[in-house]
Amino acid sequence: MRTGSEPVTARSALRARFWLCAWGVAWTVFGTVVFVLIGHPGWAAACAALWLIITIDLLLVVRHIRQGPHWQPGRSVPPYRPPDGPP
């Protein structure tokens, strides 16, 4: 049921985004190191650039998590305003 307040009450899966970012950082670090060791500077630079982007996203996710329930409502807060009456 749509209430029109979805942009105000929207939620983001910040914990899932955090772990996906952590996984991405691990793989991009690995990729950067491997490509440097085997002598492919172009691919190493691409992995390093992706590493930078993922690290910035990770920092933003951590910042949003630390801001608390003002930005990320808890499980006890409904994702929408309950309907006033029967449909």
C-alpha atoms as a PDB file:
ATOM      1  CA  MET A   1       0.000   0.000   0.000  1.00  0.00           C
ATOM      2  CA  ARG A   2       1.417   3.369  -0.986  1.00  0.00           C
ATOM      3  CA  THR A   3       0.856   6.327   1.320  1.00  0.00           C
ATOM      4  CA  GLY A   4       2.848   9.012  -0.487  1.00  0.00           C
ATOM      5  CA  SER A   5       5.366   9.323   2.351  1.00  0.00           C
ATOM      6  CA  GLU A   6       7.797   6.739   0.996  1.00  0.00           C
ATOM      7  CA  PRO A   7      10.675   9.194   0.391  1.00  0.00           C
ATOM      8  CA  VAL A   8      10.437  10.356   4.013  1.00  0.00           C
ATOM      9  CA  THR A   9      10.168   6.893   5.552  1.00  0.00           C
ATOM     10  CA  ALA A  10      12.467   5.009   3.179  1.00  0.00           C
ATOM     11  CA  ARG A  11      15.036   2.712   4.770  1.00  0.00           C
ATOM     12  CA  SER A  12      18.394   1.555   3.566  1.00  0.00           C
ATOM     13  CA  ALA A  13      19.972  -1.759   4.447  1.00  0.00           C
ATOM     14  CA  LEU A  14      23.065  -0.098   5.880  1.00  0.00           C
ATOM     15  CA  ARG A  15      24.435  -3.204   7.572  1.00  0.00           C
ATOM     16  CA  ALA A  16      24.213  -5.160   4.331  1.00  0.00           C
ATOM     17  CA  ARG A  17      25.845  -2.263   2.457  1.00  0.00           C
ATOM     18  CA  PHE A  18      28.604  -2.172   5.081  1.00  0.00           C
ATOM     19  CA  TRP A  19      29.454  -5.854   4.624  1.00  0.00           C
ATOM     20  CA  LEU A  20      29.257  -5.623   0.835  1.00  0.00           C
ATOM     21  CA  CYS A  21      31.652  -2.656   0.958  1.00  0.00           C
ATOM     22  CA  ALA A  22      34.004  -4.566   3.251  1.00  0.00           C
ATOM     23  CA  TRP A  23      33.940  -7.500   0.813  1.00  0.00           C
ATOM     24  CA  GLY A  24      34.580  -5.117  -2.087  1.00  0.00           C
ATOM     25  CA  VAL A  25      37.512  -3.478  -0.314  1.00  0.00           C
ATOM     26  CA  ALA A  26      39.082  -6.877   0.332  1.00  0.00           C
ATOM     27  CA  TRP A  27      38.772  -7.918  -3.328  1.00  0.00           C
ATOM     28  CA  THR A  28      39.978  -4.616  -4.762  1.00  0.00           C
ATOM     29  CA  VAL A  29      43.025  -4.628  -2.468  1.00  0.00           C
ATOM     30  CA  PHE A  30      43.735  -8.195  -3.561  1.00  0.00           C
ATOM     31  CA  GLY A  31      43.243  -7.294  -7.223  1.00  0.00           C
ATOM     32  CA  THR A  32      45.478  -4.224  -6.976  1.00  0.00           C
ATOM     33  CA  VAL A  33      48.291  -6.186  -5.337  1.00  0.00           C
ATOM     34  CA  VAL A  34      48.039  -9.093  -7.789  1.00  0.00           C
ATOM     35  CA  PHE A  35      48.000  -6.855 -10.869  1.00  0.00           C
ATOM     36  CA  VAL A  36      50.979  -4.869  -9.574  1.00  0.00           C
ATOM     37  CA  LEU A  37      52.915  -8.088  -8.943  1.00  0.00           C
ATOM     38  CA  ILE A  38      52.195  -9.574 -12.379  1.00  0.00           C
ATOM     39  CA  GLY A  39      52.968  -6.288 -14.147  1.00  0.00           C
ATOM     40  CA  HIS A  40      49.615  -5.034 -15.426  1.00  0.00           C
ATOM     41  CA  PRO A  41      49.626  -1.358 -14.380  1.00  0.00           C
ATOM     42  CA  GLY A  42      46.387  -0.492 -16.191  1.00  0.00           C
ATOM     43  CA  TRP A  43      44.382  -3.146 -14.371  1.00  0.00           C
ATOM     44  CA  ALA A  44      46.110  -2.252 -11.097  1.00  0.00           C
ATOM     45  CA  ALA A  45      45.086   1.388 -11.574  1.00  0.00           C
ATOM     46  CA  ALA A  46      41.502   0.343 -12.315  1.00  0.00           C
ATOM     47  CA  CYS A  47      41.375  -1.765  -9.165  1.00  0.00           C
ATOM     48  CA  ALA A  48      42.937   1.056  -7.142  1.00  0.00           C
ATOM     49  CA  ALA A  49      40.342   3.528  -8.435  1.00  0.00           C
ATOM     50  CA  LEU A  50      37.548   1.119  -7.545  1.00  0.00           C
ATOM     51  CA  TRP A  51      39.186   0.619  -4.148  1.00  0.00           C
ATOM     52  CA  LEU A  52      39.026   4.378  -3.558  1.00  0.00           C
ATOM     53  CA  ILE A  53      35.346   4.576  -4.549  1.00  0.00           C
ATOM     54  CA  ILE A  54      34.381   1.633  -2.349  1.00  0.00           C
ATOM     55  CA  THR A  55      36.336   3.041   0.607  1.00  0.00           C
ATOM     56  CA  ILE A  56      34.514   6.373   0.303  1.00  0.00           C
ATOM     57  CA  ASP A  57      31.181   4.527   0.180  1.00  0.00           C
ATOM     58  CA  LEU A  58      32.204   2.486   3.232  1.00  0.00           C
ATOM     59  CA  LEU A  59      33.021   5.663   5.160  1.00  0.00           C
ATOM     60  CA  LEU A  60      29.655   7.180   4.234  1.00  0.00           C
ATOM     61  CA  VAL A  61      27.825   4.040   5.335  1.00  0.00           C
ATOM     62  CA  VAL A  62      29.651   4.040   8.673  1.00  0.00           C
ATOM     63  CA  ARG A  63      28.792   7.726   9.112  1.00  0.00           C
ATOM     64  CA  HIS A  64      25.108   7.041   8.462  1.00  0.00           C
ATOM     65  CA  ILE A  65      25.106   4.093  10.862  1.00  0.00           C
ATOM     66  CA  ARG A  66      26.672   6.251  13.587  1.00  0.00           C
ATOM     67  CA  GLN A  67      24.092   9.004  13.073  1.00  0.00           C
ATOM     68  CA  GLY A  68      21.615   6.662  14.646  1.00  0.00           C
ATOM     69  CA  PRO A  69      17.866   6.331  14.381  1.00  0.00           C
ATOM     70  CA  HIS A  70      17.347   9.852  13.075  1.00  0.00           C
ATOM     71  CA  TRP A  71      18.623   8.641   9.721  1.00  0.00           C
ATOM     72  CA  GLN A  72      18.047   4.916  10.097  1.00  0.00           C
ATOM     73  CA  PRO A  73      14.866   4.058  12.004  1.00  0.00           C
ATOM     74  CA  GLY A  74      14.919   0.910  14.097  1.00  0.00           C
ATOM     75  CA  ARG A  75      12.857  -2.203  13.606  1.00  0.00           C
ATOM     76  CA  SER A  76      10.127  -0.899  15.950  1.00  0.00           C
ATOM     77  CA  VAL A  77       9.357   2.042  13.621  1.00  0.00           C
ATOM     78  CA  PRO A  78       6.919   1.081  10.844  1.00  0.00           C
ATOM     79  CA  PRO A  79       8.124   1.832   7.302  1.00  0.00           C
ATOM     80  CA  TYR A  80       4.904   3.695   6.499  1.00  0.00           C
ATOM     81  CA  ARG A  81       2.060   5.490   8.243  1.00  0.00           C
ATOM     82  CA  PRO A  82      -0.609   2.880   9.025  1.00  0.00           C
ATOM     83  CA  PRO A  83      -3.869   3.304   7.048  1.00  0.00           C
ATOM     84  CA  ASP A  84      -6.664   5.261   8.730  1.00  0.00           C
ATOM     85  CA  GLY A  85      -9.462   2.902   7.842  1.00  0.00           C
ATOM     86  CA  PRO A  86     -10.454  -0.073   5.736  1.00  0.00           C
ATOM     87  CA  PRO A  87      -9.498   0.027   2.036  1.00  0.00           C
END
